[in-house]
């Protein structure tokens, strides 16, 4: 399993609205404080990591 490591903030963005469960927000805020990054940067990187590590569906059906 690959490790998730935070990278510096990125530019060129678009706003999206998403609702998070409060306990998840609290956990994320602990991590971003320890790693000196933003909430948005964490979410973007977590999504990229998830997409890069998803099992690919077979195109043969």
N, C-alpha and C. Protein backbone atom coordinates (compact mmCIF):
# COMPACT_ATOMS: atom_id res chain seq x y z
N UNK A 1 0.84 -1.18 0.00
CA UNK A 1 0.00 0.00 0.00
C UNK A 1 0.88 1.24 0.00
N UNK A 2 0.52 2.22 -0.81
CA UNK A 2 1.28 3.46 -0.90
C UNK A 2 0.96 4.36 0.28
N UNK A 3 1.94 5.20 0.65
CA UNK A 3 1.73 6.18 1.71
C UNK A 3 1.23 7.48 1.11
N UNK A 4 0.37 8.15 1.84
CA UNK A 4 -0.16 9.44 1.42
C UNK A 4 0.70 10.52 2.05
N UNK A 5 1.36 11.34 1.21
CA UNK A 5 2.20 12.42 1.70
C UNK A 5 1.70 13.74 1.14
N UNK A 6 1.58 14.73 2.01
CA UNK A 6 1.09 16.05 1.58
C UNK A 6 2.16 16.81 0.82
N UNK A 7 1.74 17.47 -0.26
CA UNK A 7 2.62 18.30 -1.09
C UNK A 7 2.24 19.77 -0.88
N UNK A 8 3.08 20.69 -1.34
CA UNK A 8 2.73 22.11 -1.23
C UNK A 8 1.44 22.44 -1.97
N UNK A 9 0.85 23.58 -1.63
CA UNK A 9 -0.41 24.01 -2.27
C UNK A 9 -0.24 24.19 -3.77
N UNK A 10 -1.34 24.06 -4.49
CA UNK A 10 -1.35 24.22 -5.94
C UNK A 10 -2.16 25.43 -6.32
N UNK A 11 -2.07 25.84 -7.57
CA UNK A 11 -2.84 26.98 -8.07
C UNK A 11 -3.88 26.50 -9.08
N UNK A 12 -4.51 27.44 -9.78
CA UNK A 12 -5.52 27.15 -10.81
C UNK A 12 -6.62 26.23 -10.28
N UNK A 13 -7.61 26.83 -9.66
CA UNK A 13 -8.67 26.05 -9.03
C UNK A 13 -10.05 26.54 -9.45
N UNK A 14 -11.05 25.78 -9.08
CA UNK A 14 -12.46 26.13 -9.29
C UNK A 14 -13.19 25.77 -8.00
N UNK A 15 -14.14 26.58 -7.60
CA UNK A 15 -14.88 26.33 -6.36
C UNK A 15 -15.93 25.24 -6.55
N UNK A 16 -16.02 24.35 -5.58
CA UNK A 16 -17.06 23.32 -5.49
C UNK A 16 -17.52 23.29 -4.04
N UNK A 17 -18.78 22.99 -3.82
CA UNK A 17 -19.31 22.90 -2.46
C UNK A 17 -19.53 21.44 -2.12
N UNK A 18 -19.06 21.05 -0.94
CA UNK A 18 -19.23 19.67 -0.48
C UNK A 18 -19.45 19.68 1.03
N UNK A 19 -20.29 18.79 1.50
CA UNK A 19 -20.56 18.71 2.94
C UNK A 19 -19.79 17.52 3.51
N UNK A 20 -19.14 17.76 4.65
CA UNK A 20 -18.37 16.73 5.33
C UNK A 20 -18.99 16.45 6.70
N UNK A 21 -18.95 15.22 7.16
CA UNK A 21 -19.36 14.95 8.54
C UNK A 21 -18.41 15.68 9.50
N UNK A 22 -18.96 16.23 10.57
CA UNK A 22 -18.15 17.00 11.52
C UNK A 22 -16.97 16.20 12.07
N UNK A 23 -17.13 14.92 12.46
CA UNK A 23 -15.98 14.18 12.97
C UNK A 23 -14.84 14.06 11.93
N UNK A 24 -15.19 13.95 10.65
CA UNK A 24 -14.17 13.88 9.61
C UNK A 24 -13.43 15.21 9.49
N UNK A 25 -14.17 16.31 9.55
CA UNK A 25 -13.54 17.63 9.50
C UNK A 25 -12.56 17.79 10.66
N UNK A 26 -12.95 17.36 11.83
CA UNK A 26 -12.07 17.47 13.00
C UNK A 26 -10.78 16.68 12.81
N UNK A 27 -10.88 15.47 12.25
CA UNK A 27 -9.68 14.66 12.00
C UNK A 27 -8.79 15.32 10.95
N UNK A 28 -9.40 15.83 9.89
CA UNK A 28 -8.63 16.50 8.84
C UNK A 28 -7.93 17.74 9.39
N UNK A 29 -8.63 18.51 10.21
CA UNK A 29 -8.04 19.72 10.77
C UNK A 29 -6.84 19.41 11.66
N UNK A 30 -6.87 18.29 12.38
CA UNK A 30 -5.71 17.88 13.18
C UNK A 30 -4.51 17.62 12.27
N UNK A 31 -4.74 16.90 11.18
CA UNK A 31 -3.67 16.54 10.25
C UNK A 31 -3.11 17.77 9.55
N UNK A 32 -3.98 18.66 9.09
CA UNK A 32 -3.48 19.82 8.34
C UNK A 32 -2.72 20.78 9.25
N UNK A 33 -3.11 20.86 10.52
CA UNK A 33 -2.37 21.70 11.46
C UNK A 33 -0.96 21.15 11.66
N UNK A 34 -0.85 19.84 11.80
CA UNK A 34 0.45 19.20 12.00
C UNK A 34 1.33 19.30 10.76
N UNK A 35 0.72 19.44 9.58
CA UNK A 35 1.47 19.44 8.32
C UNK A 35 1.51 20.80 7.63
N UNK A 36 1.03 21.83 8.28
CA UNK A 36 1.07 23.20 7.77
C UNK A 36 0.56 23.29 6.33
N UNK A 37 -0.67 22.80 6.12
CA UNK A 37 -1.31 22.88 4.81
C UNK A 37 -2.75 23.32 4.99
N UNK A 38 -3.46 23.52 3.91
CA UNK A 38 -4.84 23.98 3.99
C UNK A 38 -5.81 22.81 3.84
N UNK A 39 -7.05 23.06 4.24
CA UNK A 39 -8.09 22.06 4.12
C UNK A 39 -8.28 21.68 2.65
N UNK A 40 -8.35 22.69 1.79
CA UNK A 40 -8.54 22.44 0.36
C UNK A 40 -7.40 21.61 -0.22
N UNK A 41 -6.18 21.97 0.13
CA UNK A 41 -5.03 21.24 -0.38
C UNK A 41 -5.08 19.77 0.06
N UNK A 42 -5.45 19.54 1.31
CA UNK A 42 -5.55 18.17 1.81
C UNK A 42 -6.60 17.39 1.02
N UNK A 43 -7.78 17.98 0.84
CA UNK A 43 -8.87 17.28 0.15
C UNK A 43 -8.48 16.98 -1.30
N UNK A 44 -7.88 17.95 -1.98
CA UNK A 44 -7.45 17.74 -3.37
C UNK A 44 -6.45 16.59 -3.45
N UNK A 45 -5.46 16.61 -2.57
CA UNK A 45 -4.44 15.57 -2.60
C UNK A 45 -5.00 14.20 -2.21
N UNK A 46 -5.93 14.18 -1.27
CA UNK A 46 -6.56 12.91 -0.87
C UNK A 46 -7.38 12.34 -2.03
N UNK A 47 -8.08 13.20 -2.77
CA UNK A 47 -8.85 12.75 -3.92
C UNK A 47 -7.93 12.24 -5.02
N UNK A 48 -6.84 12.96 -5.29
CA UNK A 48 -5.88 12.51 -6.31
C UNK A 48 -5.29 11.16 -5.92
N UNK A 49 -4.93 11.00 -4.65
CA UNK A 49 -4.38 9.74 -4.17
C UNK A 49 -5.40 8.60 -4.36
N UNK A 50 -6.65 8.86 -4.00
CA UNK A 50 -7.69 7.84 -4.14
C UNK A 50 -7.88 7.46 -5.61
N UNK A 51 -7.93 8.44 -6.49
CA UNK A 51 -8.11 8.17 -7.91
C UNK A 51 -6.92 7.39 -8.50
N UNK A 52 -5.71 7.76 -8.09
CA UNK A 52 -4.51 7.08 -8.59
C UNK A 52 -4.41 5.64 -8.10
N UNK A 53 -5.06 5.34 -6.98
CA UNK A 53 -4.92 4.02 -6.37
C UNK A 53 -6.18 3.17 -6.41
N UNK A 54 -7.17 3.61 -7.18
CA UNK A 54 -8.39 2.82 -7.33
C UNK A 54 -8.12 1.63 -8.23
N UNK A 55 -8.81 0.55 -7.95
CA UNK A 55 -8.74 -0.59 -8.85
C UNK A 55 -9.48 -0.22 -10.13
N UNK A 56 -8.87 -0.52 -11.25
CA UNK A 56 -9.47 -0.20 -12.55
C UNK A 56 -10.52 -1.25 -12.89
N UNK A 57 -11.68 -0.79 -13.42
CA UNK A 57 -12.70 -1.73 -13.89
C UNK A 57 -12.23 -2.35 -15.21
N UNK A 58 -12.54 -3.58 -15.37
CA UNK A 58 -12.19 -4.26 -16.61
C UNK A 58 -13.05 -3.74 -17.75
N UNK A 59 -12.43 -3.48 -18.90
CA UNK A 59 -13.19 -3.02 -20.07
C UNK A 59 -13.75 -4.19 -20.84
N UNK A 60 -13.39 -5.43 -20.43
CA UNK A 60 -13.91 -6.63 -21.10
C UNK A 60 -15.17 -7.08 -20.39
N UNK A 61 -16.32 -6.94 -21.03
CA UNK A 61 -17.60 -7.39 -20.45
C UNK A 61 -18.33 -8.27 -21.40
